[in-house]
C-alpha atoms as a PDB file:
ATOM      1  CA  MET A   1    -107.541  34.712  -0.565  1.00  0.00           C
ATOM      2  CA  ASN A   2    -109.106  32.635   2.215  1.00  0.00           C
ATOM      3  CA  VAL A   3    -107.213  31.054   5.101  1.00  0.00           C
ATOM      4  CA  ASP A   4    -106.928  27.647   3.437  1.00  0.00           C
ATOM      5  CA  GLU A   5    -105.494  29.181   0.275  1.00  0.00           C
ATOM      6  CA  ALA A   6    -103.037  31.227   2.330  1.00  0.00           C
ATOM      7  CA  GLN A   7    -101.851  28.031   4.006  1.00  0.00           C
ATOM      8  CA  PHE A   8    -101.566  26.242   0.664  1.00  0.00           C
ATOM      9  CA  LEU A   9     -99.861  28.966  -1.341  1.00  0.00           C
ATOM     10  CA  SER A  10     -97.048  31.325  -0.496  1.00  0.00           C
ATOM     11  CA  THR A  11     -96.036  34.299  -2.605  1.00  0.00           C
ATOM     12  CA  MET A  12     -92.754  34.153  -4.453  1.00  0.00           C
ATOM     13  CA  SER A  13     -91.281  36.000  -7.412  1.00  0.00           C
ATOM     14  CA  GLY A  14     -93.026  34.729 -10.510  1.00  0.00           C
ATOM     15  CA  GLY A  15     -96.189  33.460  -8.865  1.00  0.00           C
ATOM     16  CA  PHE A  16     -97.457  31.174  -6.110  1.00  0.00           C
ATOM     17  CA  ARG A  17     -95.593  28.192  -4.718  1.00  0.00           C
ATOM     18  CA  PRO A  18     -97.675  25.232  -3.493  1.00  0.00           C
ATOM     19  CA  ARG A  19     -96.538  23.312  -0.431  1.00  0.00           C
ATOM     20  CA  ALA A  20     -94.294  20.378  -1.276  1.00  0.00           C
ATOM     21  CA  ASP A  21     -96.849  17.844  -0.008  1.00  0.00           C
ATOM     22  CA  TRP A  22     -99.137  18.353  -3.010  1.00  0.00           C
ATOM     23  CA  ARG A  23     -97.108  15.561  -4.634  1.00  0.00           C
ATOM     24  CA  ALA A  24     -98.528  13.111  -2.093  1.00  0.00           C
ATOM     25  CA  CYS A  25    -102.099  13.841  -3.196  1.00  0.00           C
ATOM     26  CA  THR A  26    -104.128  11.461  -5.370  1.00  0.00           C
ATOM     27  CA  GLY A  27    -106.823  13.708  -6.838  1.00  0.00           C
ATOM     28  CA  LYS A  28    -109.439  12.603  -4.315  1.00  0.00           C
ATOM     29  CA  GLY A  29    -112.620  14.674  -4.524  1.00  0.00           C
ATOM     30  CA  VAL A  30    -111.801  16.069  -7.998  1.00  0.00           C
ATOM     31  CA  THR A  31    -113.618  15.203 -11.228  1.00  0.00           C
ATOM     32  CA  VAL A  32    -111.913  15.742 -14.571  1.00  0.00           C
ATOM     33  CA  ALA A  33    -114.118  16.125 -17.645  1.00  0.00           C
ATOM     34  CA  ILE A  34    -112.640  14.591 -20.808  1.00  0.00           C
ATOM     35  CA  VAL A  35    -114.153  16.060 -23.977  1.00  0.00           C
ATOM     36  CA  ASP A  36    -113.001  13.511 -26.524  1.00  0.00           C
ATOM     37  CA  SER A  37    -113.885  10.216 -28.226  1.00  0.00           C
ATOM     38  CA  GLY A  38    -115.307   8.563 -25.130  1.00  0.00           C
ATOM     39  CA  VAL A  39    -113.684   6.425 -22.446  1.00  0.00           C
ATOM     40  CA  ASP A  40    -113.576   2.651 -22.097  1.00  0.00           C
ATOM     41  CA  GLY A  41    -114.660   2.410 -18.482  1.00  0.00           C
ATOM     42  CA  THR A  42    -114.075  -1.367 -18.482  1.00  0.00           C
ATOM     43  CA  HIS A  43    -110.310  -0.953 -18.865  1.00  0.00           C
ATOM     44  CA  PRO A  44    -108.608  -2.305 -15.711  1.00  0.00           C
ATOM     45  CA  GLU A  45    -106.930   1.047 -15.074  1.00  0.00           C
ATOM     46  CA  LEU A  46    -110.256   2.894 -15.286  1.00  0.00           C
ATOM     47  CA  LEU A  47    -112.702   0.606 -13.499  1.00  0.00           C
ATOM     48  CA  GLY A  48    -114.913   2.578 -11.130  1.00  0.00           C
ATOM     49  CA  ARG A  49    -113.407   5.917 -12.136  1.00  0.00           C
ATOM     50  CA  VAL A  50    -115.885   7.031 -14.809  1.00  0.00           C
ATOM     51  CA  VAL A  51    -118.793   8.680 -12.983  1.00  0.00           C
ATOM     52  CA  GLU A  52    -120.537  10.003 -16.085  1.00  0.00           C
ATOM     53  CA  SER A  53    -120.527   9.050 -19.762  1.00  0.00           C
ATOM     54  CA  VAL A  54    -122.497  11.061 -22.302  1.00  0.00           C
ATOM     55  CA  GLU A  55    -122.286  11.473 -26.069  1.00  0.00           C
ATOM     56  CA  ALA A  56    -123.278  14.234 -28.438  1.00  0.00           C
ATOM     57  CA  ARG A  57    -126.213  13.742 -30.781  1.00  0.00           C
ATOM     58  CA  VAL A  58    -126.700  16.323 -33.510  1.00  0.00           C
ATOM     59  CA  ASP A  59    -130.412  16.944 -34.050  1.00  0.00           C
ATOM     60  CA  GLY A  60    -130.779  19.503 -36.820  1.00  0.00           C
ATOM     61  CA  LYS A  61    -129.152  22.668 -35.480  1.00  0.00           C
ATOM     62  CA  ARG A  62    -129.213  21.440 -31.905  1.00  0.00           C
ATOM     63  CA  VAL A  63    -126.721  19.222 -30.111  1.00  0.00           C
ATOM     64  CA  MET A  64    -128.167  16.957 -27.436  1.00  0.00           C
ATOM     65  CA  PHE A  65    -126.302  14.824 -24.917  1.00  0.00           C
ATOM     66  CA  ASP A  66    -127.497  11.324 -24.115  1.00  0.00           C
ATOM     67  CA  ASN A  67    -126.211   8.842 -21.561  1.00  0.00           C
ATOM     68  CA  SER A  68    -123.791   6.563 -23.332  1.00  0.00           C
ATOM     69  CA  ASN A  69    -122.512   3.020 -22.902  1.00  0.00           C
ATOM     70  CA  VAL A  70    -120.657   2.762 -26.216  1.00  0.00           C
ATOM     71  CA  GLY A  71    -117.239   3.337 -24.661  1.00  0.00           C
ATOM     72  CA  ASP A  72    -114.526   4.528 -27.017  1.00  0.00           C
ATOM     73  CA  SER A  73    -114.108   3.208 -30.547  1.00  0.00           C
ATOM     74  CA  ALA A  74    -111.235   5.586 -31.402  1.00  0.00           C
ATOM     75  CA  GLY A  75    -109.010   5.031 -28.367  1.00  0.00           C
ATOM     76  CA  HIS A  76    -107.978   8.662 -28.011  1.00  0.00           C
ATOM     77  CA  GLY A  77    -110.174   9.495 -25.019  1.00  0.00           C
ATOM     78  CA  THR A  78    -109.301   6.266 -23.211  1.00  0.00           C
ATOM     79  CA  ALA A  79    -105.589   7.036 -23.602  1.00  0.00           C
ATOM     80  CA  CYS A  80    -106.090  10.498 -22.096  1.00  0.00           C
ATOM     81  CA  ALA A  81    -108.191   9.072 -19.260  1.00  0.00           C
ATOM     82  CA  GLY A  82    -105.524   6.473 -18.477  1.00  0.00           C
ATOM     83  CA  ILE A  83    -102.801   9.134 -18.255  1.00  0.00           C
ATOM     84  CA  ILE A  84    -104.900  11.194 -15.834  1.00  0.00           C
ATOM     85  CA  ALA A  85    -105.651   8.088 -13.757  1.00  0.00           C
ATOM     86  CA  LYS A  86    -101.952   7.255 -13.403  1.00  0.00           C
ATOM     87  CA  ILE A  87    -101.142  10.685 -12.013  1.00  0.00           C
ATOM     88  CA  ALA A  88    -104.331  11.200  -9.991  1.00  0.00           C
ATOM     89  CA  PRO A  89    -105.565   7.665  -9.192  1.00  0.00           C
ATOM     90  CA  ASP A  90    -108.429   8.808  -6.956  1.00  0.00           C
ATOM     91  CA  ALA A  91    -109.776  11.465  -9.327  1.00  0.00           C
ATOM     92  CA  LYS A  92    -113.114  10.735 -10.966  1.00  0.00           C
ATOM     93  CA  LEU A  93    -113.654  11.069 -14.716  1.00  0.00           C
ATOM     94  CA  SER A  94    -116.528  12.408 -16.784  1.00  0.00           C
ATOM     95  CA  SER A  95    -116.534  11.254 -20.415  1.00  0.00           C
ATOM     96  CA  ILE A  96    -118.120  13.720 -22.848  1.00  0.00           C
ATOM     97  CA  ARG A  97    -117.996  12.075 -26.257  1.00  0.00           C
ATOM     98  CA  VAL A  98    -117.881  14.451 -29.226  1.00  0.00           C
ATOM     99  CA  LEU A  99    -115.584  12.505 -31.580  1.00  0.00           C
ATOM    100  CA  GLY A 100    -116.430   9.443 -33.660  1.00  0.00           C
ATOM    101  CA  ALA A 101    -114.619   6.215 -34.451  1.00  0.00           C
ATOM    102  CA  SER A 102    -112.132   7.962 -36.728  1.00  0.00           C
ATOM    103  CA  GLY A 103    -111.262  10.538 -34.089  1.00  0.00           C
ATOM    104  CA  LEU A 104    -113.065  13.217 -36.078  1.00  0.00           C
ATOM    105  CA  GLY A 105    -116.162  15.140 -35.096  1.00  0.00           C
ATOM    106  CA  ASP A 106    -118.561  17.955 -35.793  1.00  0.00           C
ATOM    107  CA  GLY A 107    -117.360  21.401 -34.714  1.00  0.00           C
ATOM    108  CA  HIS A 108    -120.730  22.243 -33.201  1.00  0.00           C
ATOM    109  CA  ALA A 109    -120.568  19.062 -31.124  1.00  0.00           C
ATOM    110  CA  PHE A 110    -117.132  20.119 -29.879  1.00  0.00           C
ATOM    111  CA  LEU A 111    -118.496  23.499 -28.796  1.00  0.00           C
ATOM    112  CA  ALA A 112    -121.492  21.852 -27.179  1.00  0.00           C
ATOM    113  CA  GLY A 113    -119.279  19.380 -25.329  1.00  0.00           C
ATOM    114  CA  LEU A 114    -117.194  22.171 -23.833  1.00  0.00           C
ATOM    115  CA  GLU A 115    -120.337  24.107 -22.937  1.00  0.00           C
ATOM    116  CA  TYR A 116    -121.795  20.992 -21.283  1.00  0.00           C
ATOM    117  CA  ALA A 117    -118.682  20.607 -19.112  1.00  0.00           C
ATOM    118  CA  ILE A 118    -118.821  24.280 -18.125  1.00  0.00           C
ATOM    119  CA  LYS A 119    -122.520  24.080 -17.221  1.00  0.00           C
ATOM    120  CA  GLN A 120    -121.766  21.060 -15.040  1.00  0.00           C
ATOM    121  CA  ARG A 121    -119.010  23.176 -13.442  1.00  0.00           C
ATOM    122  CA  TYR A 122    -116.380  20.498 -13.742  1.00  0.00           C
ATOM    123  CA  LYS A 123    -113.321  21.992 -12.125  1.00  0.00           C
ATOM    124  CA  VAL A 124    -110.885  20.495 -14.658  1.00  0.00           C
ATOM    125  CA  ILE A 125    -111.687  20.084 -18.361  1.00  0.00           C
ATOM    126  CA  ASN A 126    -109.269  18.192 -20.618  1.00  0.00           C
ATOM    127  CA  LEU A 127    -109.352  19.208 -24.293  1.00  0.00           C
ATOM    128  CA  SER A 128    -106.916  17.029 -26.218  1.00  0.00           C
ATOM    129  CA  LEU A 129    -108.549  18.298 -29.390  1.00  0.00           C
ATOM    130  CA  GLY A 130    -109.025  21.543 -31.256  1.00  0.00           C
ATOM    131  CA  THR A 131    -109.906  23.114 -34.578  1.00  0.00           C
ATOM    132  CA  THR A 132    -108.174  25.330 -37.121  1.00  0.00           C
ATOM    133  CA  LYS A 133    -111.447  26.581 -38.631  1.00  0.00           C
ATOM    134  CA  PRO A 134    -111.726  30.356 -38.131  1.00  0.00           C
ATOM    135  CA  GLN A 135    -115.519  30.318 -37.724  1.00  0.00           C
ATOM    136  CA  TYR A 136    -115.050  28.689 -34.323  1.00  0.00           C
ATOM    137  CA  PHE A 137    -112.648  31.335 -33.026  1.00  0.00           C
ATOM    138  CA  SER A 138    -115.270  33.645 -31.511  1.00  0.00           C
ATOM    139  CA  PRO A 139    -117.626  31.037 -30.012  1.00  0.00           C
ATOM    140  CA  LEU A 140    -114.701  29.177 -28.444  1.00  0.00           C
ATOM    141  CA  HIS A 141    -113.293  32.403 -27.070  1.00  0.00           C
ATOM    142  CA  ASP A 142    -116.667  33.229 -25.510  1.00  0.00           C
ATOM    143  CA  LEU A 143    -116.953  29.748 -23.988  1.00  0.00           C
ATOM    144  CA  LEU A 144    -113.483  29.985 -22.467  1.00  0.00           C
ATOM    145  CA  ASP A 145    -114.349  33.315 -20.900  1.00  0.00           C
ATOM    146  CA  ARG A 146    -117.405  31.642 -19.379  1.00  0.00           C
ATOM    147  CA  ALA A 147    -115.261  28.756 -18.152  1.00  0.00           C
ATOM    148  CA  TYR A 148    -112.781  31.120 -16.520  1.00  0.00           C
ATOM    149  CA  GLN A 149    -115.562  33.067 -14.803  1.00  0.00           C
ATOM    150  CA  ALA A 150    -117.143  29.819 -13.595  1.00  0.00           C
ATOM    151  CA  GLY A 151    -113.846  28.681 -12.081  1.00  0.00           C
ATOM    152  CA  CYS A 152    -113.359  25.844 -14.578  1.00  0.00           C
ATOM    153  CA  ILE A 153    -109.720  25.118 -15.405  1.00  0.00           C
ATOM    154  CA  VAL A 154    -109.460  24.219 -19.091  1.00  0.00           C
ATOM    155  CA  VAL A 155    -106.345  22.401 -20.307  1.00  0.00           C
ATOM    156  CA  ALA A 156    -105.924  22.276 -24.098  1.00  0.00           C
ATOM    157  CA  ALA A 157    -103.438  20.526 -26.362  1.00  0.00           C
ATOM    158  CA  ALA A 158    -101.579  22.418 -29.063  1.00  0.00           C
ATOM    159  CA  ASN A 159    -101.960  21.385 -32.690  1.00  0.00           C
ATOM    160  CA  ASN A 160     -99.516  18.680 -33.762  1.00  0.00           C
ATOM    161  CA  LEU A 161     -99.082  20.482 -37.092  1.00  0.00           C
ATOM    162  CA  PRO A 162     -97.266  23.841 -37.473  1.00  0.00           C
ATOM    163  CA  GLN A 163    -100.536  25.730 -37.562  1.00  0.00           C
ATOM    164  CA  PRO A 164    -102.315  27.423 -34.653  1.00  0.00           C
ATOM    165  CA  SER A 165    -105.468  25.727 -33.467  1.00  0.00           C
ATOM    166  CA  PHE A 166    -108.316  26.859 -31.257  1.00  0.00           C
ATOM    167  CA  PRO A 167    -108.678  26.944 -28.314  1.00  0.00           C
ATOM    168  CA  SER A 168    -105.021  26.252 -27.398  1.00  0.00           C
ATOM    169  CA  VAL A 169    -103.906  29.720 -28.577  1.00  0.00           C
ATOM    170  CA  PHE A 170    -106.207  31.427 -26.051  1.00  0.00           C
ATOM    171  CA  SER A 171    -103.510  31.223 -23.393  1.00  0.00           C
ATOM    172  CA  SER A 172    -104.949  33.952 -21.166  1.00  0.00           C
ATOM    173  CA  SER A 173    -108.098  31.977 -20.306  1.00  0.00           C
ATOM    174  CA  LEU A 174    -106.804  28.412 -20.343  1.00  0.00           C
ATOM    175  CA  ILE A 175    -103.690  26.297 -19.858  1.00  0.00           C
ATOM    176  CA  SER A 176    -102.139  25.256 -23.168  1.00  0.00           C
ATOM    177  CA  VAL A 177     -99.790  22.281 -23.465  1.00  0.00           C
ATOM    178  CA  ILE A 178     -97.272  20.954 -25.987  1.00  0.00           C
ATOM    179  CA  LYS A 179     -95.318  17.701 -25.849  1.00  0.00           C
ATOM    180  CA  SER A 180     -91.729  17.240 -24.694  1.00  0.00           C
ATOM    181  CA  ASP A 181     -89.536  14.163 -24.411  1.00  0.00           C
ATOM    182  CA  ILE A 182     -89.224  14.307 -20.625  1.00  0.00           C
ATOM    183  CA  ALA A 183     -90.470  11.173 -18.883  1.00  0.00           C
ATOM    184  CA  ASP A 184     -91.335  12.388 -15.385  1.00  0.00           C
ATOM    185  CA  PRO A 185     -94.772  14.097 -15.419  1.00  0.00           C
ATOM    186  CA  LEU A 186     -93.851  16.133 -12.349  1.00  0.00           C
ATOM    187  CA  LYS A 187     -90.904  17.709 -14.194  1.00  0.00           C
ATOM    188  CA  PHE A 188     -93.039  19.665 -16.640  1.00  0.00           C
ATOM    189  CA  GLY A 189     -91.871  22.996 -18.044  1.00  0.00           C
ATOM    190  CA  PHE A 190     -93.411  26.455 -18.388  1.00  0.00           C
ATOM    191  CA  HIS A 191     -92.422  28.930 -21.106  1.00  0.00           C
ATOM    192  CA  PHE A 192     -93.823  32.246 -19.931  1.00  0.00           C
ATOM    193  CA  GLY A 193     -94.778  34.551 -22.794  1.00  0.00           C
ATOM    194  CA  GLU A 194     -95.101  31.787 -25.377  1.00  0.00           C
ATOM    195  CA  VAL A 195     -98.460  31.086 -27.032  1.00  0.00           C
ATOM    196  CA  ILE A 196     -98.281  27.482 -25.774  1.00  0.00           C
ATOM    197  CA  GLU A 197     -96.955  27.790 -22.253  1.00  0.00           C
ATOM    198  CA  LEU A 198     -96.669  24.303 -20.726  1.00  0.00           C
ATOM    199  CA  THR A 199     -94.528  21.373 -21.838  1.00  0.00           C
ATOM    200  CA  ALA A 200     -95.240  17.868 -20.547  1.00  0.00           C
ATOM    201  CA  PRO A 201     -94.471  14.252 -21.475  1.00  0.00           C
ATOM    202  CA  GLY A 202     -95.848  13.434 -24.901  1.00  0.00           C
ATOM    203  CA  VAL A 203     -93.294  11.193 -26.624  1.00  0.00           C
ATOM    204  CA  ASN A 204     -93.686   7.400 -26.504  1.00  0.00           C
ATOM    205  CA  VAL A 205     -96.180   7.623 -23.640  1.00  0.00           C
ATOM    206  CA  ARG A 206     -97.546   4.264 -22.509  1.00  0.00           C
ATOM    207  CA  ALA A 207    -101.287   4.772 -22.314  1.00  0.00           C
ATOM    208  CA  ALA A 208    -104.421   2.712 -21.799  1.00  0.00           C
ATOM    209  CA  TRP A 209    -106.230   1.529 -24.928  1.00  0.00           C
ATOM    210  CA  PRO A 210    -109.772   0.163 -25.387  1.00  0.00           C
ATOM    211  CA  GLY A 211    -110.065  -3.546 -24.757  1.00  0.00           C
ATOM    212  CA  GLY A 212    -107.743  -3.595 -21.754  1.00  0.00           C
ATOM    213  CA  GLY A 213    -104.469  -3.044 -23.581  1.00  0.00           C
ATOM    214  CA  HIS A 214    -101.905  -0.287 -23.947  1.00  0.00           C
ATOM    215  CA  ARG A 215    -100.187   1.629 -26.726  1.00  0.00           C
ATOM    216  CA  SER A 216     -97.092   3.776 -26.962  1.00  0.00           C
ATOM    217  CA  LEU A 217     -98.310   7.156 -28.195  1.00  0.00           C
ATOM    218  CA  THR A 218     -96.719  10.433 -29.226  1.00  0.00           C
ATOM    219  CA  GLY A 219     -98.450  13.787 -29.596  1.00  0.00           C
ATOM    220  CA  ASN A 220     -99.570  16.932 -27.847  1.00  0.00           C
ATOM    221  CA  SER A 221    -102.864  15.210 -27.073  1.00  0.00           C
ATOM    222  CA  PHE A 222    -101.074  13.010 -24.562  1.00  0.00           C
ATOM    223  CA  ALA A 223     -99.110  15.822 -22.953  1.00  0.00           C
ATOM    224  CA  CYS A 224    -102.349  17.607 -22.092  1.00  0.00           C
ATOM    225  CA  PRO A 225    -103.767  14.996 -19.640  1.00  0.00           C
ATOM    226  CA  HIS A 226    -100.475  14.934 -17.730  1.00  0.00           C
ATOM    227  CA  ILE A 227    -101.121  18.547 -16.742  1.00  0.00           C
ATOM    228  CA  ALA A 228    -104.824  17.866 -16.099  1.00  0.00           C
ATOM    229  CA  GLY A 229    -103.794  15.114 -13.676  1.00  0.00           C
ATOM    230  CA  ILE A 230    -101.346  17.376 -11.852  1.00  0.00           C
ATOM    231  CA  ILE A 231    -104.052  20.036 -11.512  1.00  0.00           C
ATOM    232  CA  ALA A 232    -106.283  17.404  -9.890  1.00  0.00           C
ATOM    233  CA  LEU A 233    -103.566  16.898  -7.259  1.00  0.00           C
ATOM    234  CA  LEU A 234    -103.372  20.625  -6.576  1.00  0.00           C
ATOM    235  CA  LEU A 235    -107.147  20.873  -6.295  1.00  0.00           C
ATOM    236  CA  GLU A 236    -107.368  18.038  -3.809  1.00  0.00           C
ATOM    237  CA  LYS A 237    -105.192  20.184  -1.547  1.00  0.00           C
ATOM    238  CA  ASP A 238    -107.461  23.188  -2.032  1.00  0.00           C
ATOM    239  CA  PRO A 239    -110.676  22.812  -4.064  1.00  0.00           C
ATOM    240  CA  ASN A 240    -111.162  26.598  -4.030  1.00  0.00           C
ATOM    241  CA  LEU A 241    -108.170  27.459  -6.193  1.00  0.00           C
ATOM    242  CA  THR A 242    -109.115  29.649  -9.146  1.00  0.00           C
ATOM    243  CA  PRO A 243    -107.742  29.228 -12.696  1.00  0.00           C
ATOM    244  CA  PHE A 244    -105.400  32.138 -11.934  1.00  0.00           C
ATOM    245  CA  HIS A 245    -104.075  30.440  -8.790  1.00  0.00           C
ATOM    246  CA  VAL A 246    -103.555  27.145 -10.620  1.00  0.00           C
ATOM    247  CA  LYS A 247    -101.643  28.682 -13.519  1.00  0.00           C
ATOM    248  CA  SER A 248     -99.476  30.632 -11.077  1.00  0.00           C
ATOM    249  CA  ALA A 249     -98.780  27.468  -9.091  1.00  0.00           C
ATOM    250  CA  LEU A 250     -97.838  25.565 -12.256  1.00  0.00           C
ATOM    251  CA  TYR A 251     -95.459  28.355 -13.234  1.00  0.00           C
ATOM    252  CA  ALA A 252     -93.820  28.257  -9.805  1.00  0.00           C
ATOM    253  CA  ILE A 253     -93.438  24.457  -9.860  1.00  0.00           C
ATOM    254  CA  ALA A 254     -91.958  24.568 -13.372  1.00  0.00           C
ATOM    255  CA  SER A 255     -89.533  27.267 -12.253  1.00  0.00           C
ATOM    256  CA  GLU A 256     -88.369  25.015  -9.429  1.00  0.00           C
ATOM    257  CA  ASN A 257     -88.037  22.121 -11.887  1.00  0.00           C
ATOM    258  CA  ARG A 258     -85.780  24.251 -14.068  1.00  0.00           C
ATOM    259  CA  VAL A 259     -83.567  25.182 -11.112  1.00  0.00           C
ATOM    260  CA  GLU A 260     -83.350  21.549  -9.954  1.00  0.00           C
ATOM    261  CA  GLY A 261     -82.583  20.387 -13.496  1.00  0.00           C
END
């Protein structure tokens, strides 16, 4: 641990405890990659925040990424981006579009989108999507190992249905999130030992929607970006935090939330 990390984190039972002033951060200097349906960068809450927008193009057995100006025809990615922007208003966003207008997409494009984010070494990667298809288990597991080794912090939403989905079940190499009915994003919970460890607001969440509007949304997809936004705040304080440090810090904060509650 370097000197900055030692100043930022102090050891406590159960993990690391970040200094209280992380709550005053805004995500400045942090870019969050959103692998999703695209982002409407013209939404008033997102103007000037989207620093990159690419979309997957399947060419035979290859997946290519082209610069994109199509925005978001499904709304899902824009909603996630808006949630992150509320929590970390100075964080930048990278939109990696792998889902179509119906919110569905090709599994190979999903893998390629995650790989693209890892190669770009985006420190935070929001995955409010997943798959239940077993053929993607191994390649996703390999990609998450690569992400962990590259220092990328991957946050994944649990399946909304009572069926495990990948990659959210790979809790050792990412941060998995499920919805709760709490309203305050800073009062998230952590269930150590569970397959899906984090709980965050995901019920009737007011989120940005393409065209400049908003919708009230419920689902694990919208809990996930709450945690991604909080991680951006922690990383502004110390950009050198590893995935291990961040998960430990989240556990410590959630433990304090439980005591205060």
